[in-house]
Amino acid sequence: MHGDLDNVAVGQVFEDRSAVAAAGIHRAPQSGIVGYGNGQPAESIVVAGGYEDDEDYGDLIIYTGEGGNDPNTGKQIRDQEMTKGNLGLTRNIDTGVPLRVIRSISTTGKGGPY
């Protein structure tokens, strides 16, 4: 499902990623992108400080995508590949299909609440 969900208000807060998944907002327990590049647009992304280069300005997000980073530092160490979620995100751009954004409101960069 793309776009708004009837049972979720914009700005609604969830305790953790499990609660976000249970509500159907972002089904992946760890991945930052739901939408696996099977030719369809991605459904959602999570912005939670997992990548050093991600930037969130409220109405503008610079989102690194998935892959190519060192899991210990979050720094990019190789180019991203246009597969899986990254390919799904390009489909959103190409088709104009909306993408849900889930943000961590933690100030530590370590996740939830969302």
N, C-alpha and C. Protein backbone atom coordinates (compact mmCIF):
# COMPACT_ATOMS: atom_id res chain seq x y z
N MET A 1 0.85 -1.19 0.00
CA MET A 1 0.00 0.00 0.00
C MET A 1 0.88 1.24 0.00
N HIS A 2 0.61 2.14 -0.89
CA HIS A 2 1.35 3.39 -0.98
C HIS A 2 0.52 4.54 -0.42
N GLY A 3 1.21 5.54 0.10
CA GLY A 3 0.54 6.75 0.55
C GLY A 3 -0.07 6.63 1.93
N ASP A 4 -1.09 7.46 2.17
CA ASP A 4 -1.73 7.54 3.48
C ASP A 4 -2.41 6.22 3.86
N LEU A 5 -2.45 5.96 5.15
CA LEU A 5 -3.18 4.82 5.69
C LEU A 5 -4.33 5.34 6.54
N ASP A 6 -5.51 4.75 6.40
CA ASP A 6 -6.70 5.23 7.10
C ASP A 6 -6.55 5.21 8.61
N ASN A 7 -5.81 4.24 9.16
CA ASN A 7 -5.73 4.08 10.61
C ASN A 7 -4.56 4.83 11.26
N VAL A 8 -3.85 5.66 10.48
CA VAL A 8 -2.66 6.33 11.00
C VAL A 8 -2.73 7.83 10.68
N ALA A 9 -2.54 8.64 11.71
CA ALA A 9 -2.54 10.09 11.52
C ALA A 9 -1.11 10.57 11.24
N VAL A 10 -0.97 11.56 10.39
CA VAL A 10 0.33 12.16 10.15
C VAL A 10 0.84 12.71 11.48
N GLY A 11 2.07 12.38 11.83
CA GLY A 11 2.67 12.83 13.08
C GLY A 11 2.42 11.91 14.25
N GLN A 12 1.67 10.83 14.03
CA GLN A 12 1.41 9.87 15.12
C GLN A 12 2.72 9.26 15.59
N VAL A 13 2.87 9.06 16.89
CA VAL A 13 4.11 8.54 17.48
C VAL A 13 3.93 7.08 17.87
N PHE A 14 4.95 6.28 17.58
CA PHE A 14 4.98 4.86 17.92
C PHE A 14 6.19 4.58 18.79
N GLU A 15 6.04 3.66 19.70
CA GLU A 15 7.10 3.38 20.68
C GLU A 15 8.39 2.87 20.04
N ASP A 16 8.25 1.99 19.04
CA ASP A 16 9.43 1.39 18.44
C ASP A 16 9.10 0.86 17.04
N ARG A 17 10.10 0.27 16.39
CA ARG A 17 9.91 -0.24 15.03
C ARG A 17 8.88 -1.35 14.97
N SER A 18 8.76 -2.14 16.03
CA SER A 18 7.76 -3.21 16.06
C SER A 18 6.36 -2.63 15.97
N ALA A 19 6.12 -1.55 16.68
CA ALA A 19 4.81 -0.90 16.65
C ALA A 19 4.53 -0.29 15.28
N VAL A 20 5.56 0.26 14.65
CA VAL A 20 5.42 0.83 13.31
C VAL A 20 5.04 -0.29 12.33
N ALA A 21 5.71 -1.43 12.44
CA ALA A 21 5.43 -2.57 11.57
C ALA A 21 4.02 -3.12 11.82
N ALA A 22 3.63 -3.24 13.09
CA ALA A 22 2.31 -3.77 13.44
C ALA A 22 1.19 -2.90 12.88
N ALA A 23 1.43 -1.61 12.77
CA ALA A 23 0.43 -0.69 12.22
C ALA A 23 0.41 -0.73 10.69
N GLY A 24 1.36 -1.45 10.08
CA GLY A 24 1.42 -1.56 8.62
C GLY A 24 2.04 -0.37 7.93
N ILE A 25 2.71 0.46 8.69
CA ILE A 25 3.29 1.68 8.13
C ILE A 25 4.61 1.40 7.42
N HIS A 26 5.43 0.57 8.04
CA HIS A 26 6.73 0.17 7.48
C HIS A 26 6.96 -1.27 7.92
N ARG A 27 6.74 -2.21 7.01
CA ARG A 27 6.68 -3.63 7.35
C ARG A 27 8.03 -4.27 7.67
N ALA A 28 9.12 -3.66 7.29
CA ALA A 28 10.45 -4.27 7.49
C ALA A 28 10.95 -4.00 8.90
N PRO A 29 11.36 -5.03 9.62
CA PRO A 29 11.82 -4.83 11.00
C PRO A 29 13.17 -4.09 11.10
N GLN A 30 14.01 -4.19 10.08
CA GLN A 30 15.32 -3.52 10.14
C GLN A 30 15.61 -2.66 8.93
N SER A 31 15.24 -3.10 7.78
CA SER A 31 15.56 -2.37 6.55
C SER A 31 14.96 -0.97 6.57
N GLY A 32 15.71 -0.03 6.01
CA GLY A 32 15.24 1.34 5.95
C GLY A 32 14.28 1.61 4.81
N ILE A 33 14.17 0.67 3.86
CA ILE A 33 13.30 0.85 2.71
C ILE A 33 12.38 -0.37 2.59
N VAL A 34 11.08 -0.13 2.44
CA VAL A 34 10.16 -1.21 2.08
C VAL A 34 9.81 -0.99 0.63
N GLY A 35 10.17 -1.96 -0.18
CA GLY A 35 10.00 -1.90 -1.63
C GLY A 35 11.28 -2.44 -2.22
N TYR A 36 11.21 -3.57 -2.84
CA TYR A 36 12.42 -4.31 -3.15
C TYR A 36 12.83 -4.30 -4.61
N GLY A 37 12.44 -3.28 -5.35
CA GLY A 37 12.95 -3.13 -6.70
C GLY A 37 12.43 -4.17 -7.67
N ASN A 38 11.25 -4.72 -7.39
CA ASN A 38 10.67 -5.72 -8.30
C ASN A 38 9.91 -5.03 -9.43
N GLY A 39 10.30 -3.83 -9.73
CA GLY A 39 9.64 -3.04 -10.76
C GLY A 39 8.57 -2.13 -10.20
N GLN A 40 8.31 -2.23 -8.89
CA GLN A 40 7.29 -1.42 -8.24
C GLN A 40 7.95 -0.31 -7.41
N PRO A 41 7.24 0.79 -7.20
CA PRO A 41 7.77 1.85 -6.32
C PRO A 41 7.89 1.36 -4.88
N ALA A 42 8.77 1.98 -4.12
CA ALA A 42 8.90 1.67 -2.70
C ALA A 42 7.67 2.20 -1.97
N GLU A 43 7.37 1.57 -0.82
CA GLU A 43 6.23 2.00 0.00
C GLU A 43 6.63 3.02 1.04
N SER A 44 7.80 2.81 1.68
CA SER A 44 8.16 3.65 2.82
C SER A 44 9.66 3.62 3.06
N ILE A 45 10.12 4.67 3.77
CA ILE A 45 11.51 4.71 4.24
C ILE A 45 11.50 5.11 5.72
N VAL A 46 12.57 4.73 6.42
CA VAL A 46 12.78 5.17 7.80
C VAL A 46 14.02 6.04 7.83
N VAL A 47 13.89 7.20 8.43
CA VAL A 47 15.02 8.11 8.63
C VAL A 47 15.34 8.05 10.13
N ALA A 48 16.45 7.37 10.46
CA ALA A 48 16.74 7.13 11.88
C ALA A 48 18.22 7.26 12.22
N GLY A 49 19.00 7.91 11.38
CA GLY A 49 20.41 8.13 11.70
C GLY A 49 21.32 6.96 11.39
N GLY A 50 20.85 6.01 10.60
CA GLY A 50 21.67 4.84 10.28
C GLY A 50 22.79 5.12 9.30
N TYR A 51 22.66 6.18 8.53
CA TYR A 51 23.67 6.55 7.55
C TYR A 51 24.15 7.96 7.87
N GLU A 52 25.43 8.12 7.96
CA GLU A 52 26.03 9.39 8.32
C GLU A 52 25.63 10.52 7.36
N ASP A 53 25.43 10.18 6.08
CA ASP A 53 25.16 11.20 5.07
C ASP A 53 23.69 11.59 4.95
N ASP A 54 22.78 10.90 5.65
CA ASP A 54 21.38 11.28 5.61
C ASP A 54 21.19 12.65 6.25
N GLU A 55 20.32 13.46 5.65
CA GLU A 55 20.00 14.77 6.20
C GLU A 55 18.50 14.97 6.13
N ASP A 56 17.92 15.48 7.19
CA ASP A 56 16.49 15.69 7.26
C ASP A 56 16.21 17.14 7.61
N TYR A 57 15.67 17.88 6.64
CA TYR A 57 15.36 19.29 6.82
C TYR A 57 13.86 19.52 6.95
N GLY A 58 13.11 18.48 7.29
CA GLY A 58 11.67 18.60 7.41
C GLY A 58 10.97 18.37 6.09
N ASP A 59 10.98 19.37 5.21
CA ASP A 59 10.33 19.21 3.91
C ASP A 59 11.29 18.74 2.82
N LEU A 60 12.55 18.53 3.16
CA LEU A 60 13.55 18.00 2.25
C LEU A 60 14.38 16.96 2.99
N ILE A 61 14.48 15.77 2.40
CA ILE A 61 15.29 14.69 2.99
C ILE A 61 16.34 14.29 1.97
N ILE A 62 17.58 14.26 2.38
CA ILE A 62 18.65 13.68 1.57
C ILE A 62 18.88 12.29 2.14
N TYR A 63 18.42 11.30 1.40
CA TYR A 63 18.39 9.92 1.88
C TYR A 63 19.42 9.10 1.14
N THR A 64 20.31 8.48 1.87
CA THR A 64 21.42 7.76 1.27
C THR A 64 20.96 6.53 0.50
N GLY A 65 19.91 5.89 0.92
CA GLY A 65 19.47 4.65 0.30
C GLY A 65 19.92 3.49 1.15
N GLU A 66 20.21 2.35 0.51
CA GLU A 66 20.65 1.18 1.27
C GLU A 66 21.89 0.57 0.64
N GLY A 67 22.75 0.07 1.51
CA GLY A 67 23.97 -0.59 1.05
C GLY A 67 25.14 0.36 0.93
N GLY A 68 26.32 -0.22 0.92
CA GLY A 68 27.53 0.56 0.71
C GLY A 68 28.09 1.24 1.93
N ASN A 69 27.47 1.03 3.10
CA ASN A 69 28.00 1.72 4.28
C ASN A 69 28.65 0.73 5.24
N ASP A 70 29.54 1.25 6.05
CA ASP A 70 30.18 0.47 7.10
C ASP A 70 29.18 0.40 8.25
N PRO A 71 28.77 -0.81 8.67
CA PRO A 71 27.75 -0.91 9.72
C PRO A 71 28.20 -0.37 11.07
N ASN A 72 29.49 -0.23 11.29
CA ASN A 72 29.99 0.28 12.57
C ASN A 72 30.04 1.80 12.63
N THR A 73 30.31 2.44 11.49
CA THR A 73 30.47 3.90 11.49
C THR A 73 29.34 4.62 10.77
N GLY A 74 28.59 3.92 9.90
CA GLY A 74 27.56 4.57 9.11
C GLY A 74 28.11 5.31 7.91
N LYS A 75 29.43 5.31 7.72
CA LYS A 75 30.04 6.03 6.60
C LYS A 75 29.96 5.19 5.32
N GLN A 76 29.76 5.89 4.21
CA GLN A 76 29.75 5.22 2.92
C GLN A 76 31.17 4.78 2.58
N ILE A 77 31.31 3.51 2.23
CA ILE A 77 32.62 2.98 1.88
C ILE A 77 32.64 2.44 0.46
N ARG A 78 31.48 2.37 -0.19
CA ARG A 78 31.42 1.97 -1.60
C ARG A 78 30.14 2.54 -2.21
N ASP A 79 30.11 2.54 -3.53
CA ASP A 79 28.94 3.05 -4.24
C ASP A 79 27.72 2.17 -3.96
N GLN A 80 26.56 2.80 -3.99
CA GLN A 80 25.31 2.07 -3.86
C GLN A 80 24.99 1.39 -5.18
N GLU A 81 24.26 0.30 -5.09
CA GLU A 81 23.83 -0.41 -6.30
C GLU A 81 22.35 -0.10 -6.55
N MET A 82 21.98 -0.02 -7.82
CA MET A 82 20.60 0.26 -8.19
C MET A 82 19.82 -1.06 -8.21
N THR A 83 19.65 -1.62 -7.00
CA THR A 83 18.90 -2.86 -6.81
C THR A 83 18.00 -2.69 -5.60
N LYS A 84 17.14 -3.64 -5.39
CA LYS A 84 16.27 -3.73 -4.22
C LYS A 84 15.58 -2.40 -3.90
N GLY A 85 15.73 -1.94 -2.66
CA GLY A 85 15.05 -0.71 -2.23
C GLY A 85 15.48 0.51 -3.01
N ASN A 86 16.76 0.60 -3.35
CA ASN A 86 17.23 1.75 -4.13
C ASN A 86 16.50 1.83 -5.48
N LEU A 87 16.32 0.68 -6.12
CA LEU A 87 15.60 0.65 -7.38
C LEU A 87 14.14 1.03 -7.16
N GLY A 88 13.56 0.57 -6.06
CA GLY A 88 12.19 0.94 -5.74
C GLY A 88 12.03 2.45 -5.60
N LEU A 89 13.00 3.10 -4.95
CA LEU A 89 12.93 4.56 -4.79
C LEU A 89 12.97 5.29 -6.13
N THR A 90 13.74 4.77 -7.08
CA THR A 90 13.75 5.40 -8.40
C THR A 90 12.39 5.27 -9.08
N ARG A 91 11.68 4.19 -8.78
CA ARG A 91 10.34 4.01 -9.35
C ARG A 91 9.37 5.07 -8.78
N ASN A 92 9.55 5.44 -7.51
CA ASN A 92 8.72 6.51 -6.96
C ASN A 92 8.93 7.80 -7.73
N ILE A 93 10.18 8.10 -8.02
CA ILE A 93 10.50 9.32 -8.76
C ILE A 93 9.91 9.25 -10.17
N ASP A 94 10.11 8.10 -10.82
CA ASP A 94 9.65 7.94 -12.20
C ASP A 94 8.13 7.98 -12.33
N THR A 95 7.41 7.46 -11.34
CA THR A 95 5.96 7.32 -11.45
C THR A 95 5.18 8.36 -10.64
N GLY A 96 5.84 9.06 -9.72
CA GLY A 96 5.15 10.02 -8.88
C GLY A 96 4.34 9.37 -7.76
N VAL A 97 4.55 8.08 -7.52
CA VAL A 97 3.83 7.39 -6.45
C VAL A 97 4.36 7.89 -5.10
N PRO A 98 3.48 8.24 -4.17
CA PRO A 98 3.93 8.78 -2.88
C PRO A 98 4.68 7.75 -2.05
N LEU A 99 5.53 8.24 -1.17
CA LEU A 99 6.37 7.41 -0.30
C LEU A 99 6.12 7.85 1.14
N ARG A 100 5.80 6.89 2.00
CA ARG A 100 5.66 7.23 3.43
C ARG A 100 7.04 7.40 4.04
N VAL A 101 7.17 8.38 4.93
CA VAL A 101 8.43 8.64 5.63
C VAL A 101 8.17 8.46 7.12
N ILE A 102 8.97 7.60 7.74
CA ILE A 102 8.91 7.37 9.17
C ILE A 102 10.19 7.92 9.74
N ARG A 103 10.06 8.81 10.72
CA ARG A 103 11.24 9.45 11.31
C ARG A 103 11.41 9.00 12.74
N SER A 104 12.66 8.77 13.12
CA SER A 104 12.97 8.58 14.53
C SER A 104 12.95 9.95 15.18
N ILE A 105 12.37 10.03 16.35
CA ILE A 105 12.41 11.31 17.08
C ILE A 105 13.43 11.28 18.18
N SER A 106 14.28 10.25 18.18
CA SER A 106 15.35 10.15 19.15
C SER A 106 16.42 11.19 18.82
N THR A 107 17.02 11.74 19.84
CA THR A 107 18.11 12.69 19.62
C THR A 107 19.47 12.00 19.65
N THR A 108 19.47 10.68 19.89
CA THR A 108 20.74 9.94 19.96
C THR A 108 21.15 9.36 18.63
N GLY A 109 20.23 9.32 17.66
CA GLY A 109 20.53 8.69 16.38
C GLY A 109 20.49 7.19 16.46
N LYS A 110 19.92 6.63 17.52
CA LYS A 110 19.90 5.18 17.72
C LYS A 110 18.50 4.59 17.56
N GLY A 111 17.60 5.30 16.90
CA GLY A 111 16.26 4.76 16.69
C GLY A 111 15.24 5.31 17.63
N GLY A 112 14.05 4.74 17.65
CA GLY A 112 12.80 5.07 18.32
C GLY A 112 12.90 6.02 19.51
N PRO A 113 11.77 6.57 19.90
CA PRO A 113 10.46 6.34 19.27
C PRO A 113 10.37 6.93 17.87
N TYR A 114 9.35 6.48 17.15
CA TYR A 114 9.15 6.89 15.75
C TYR A 114 7.86 7.65 15.62
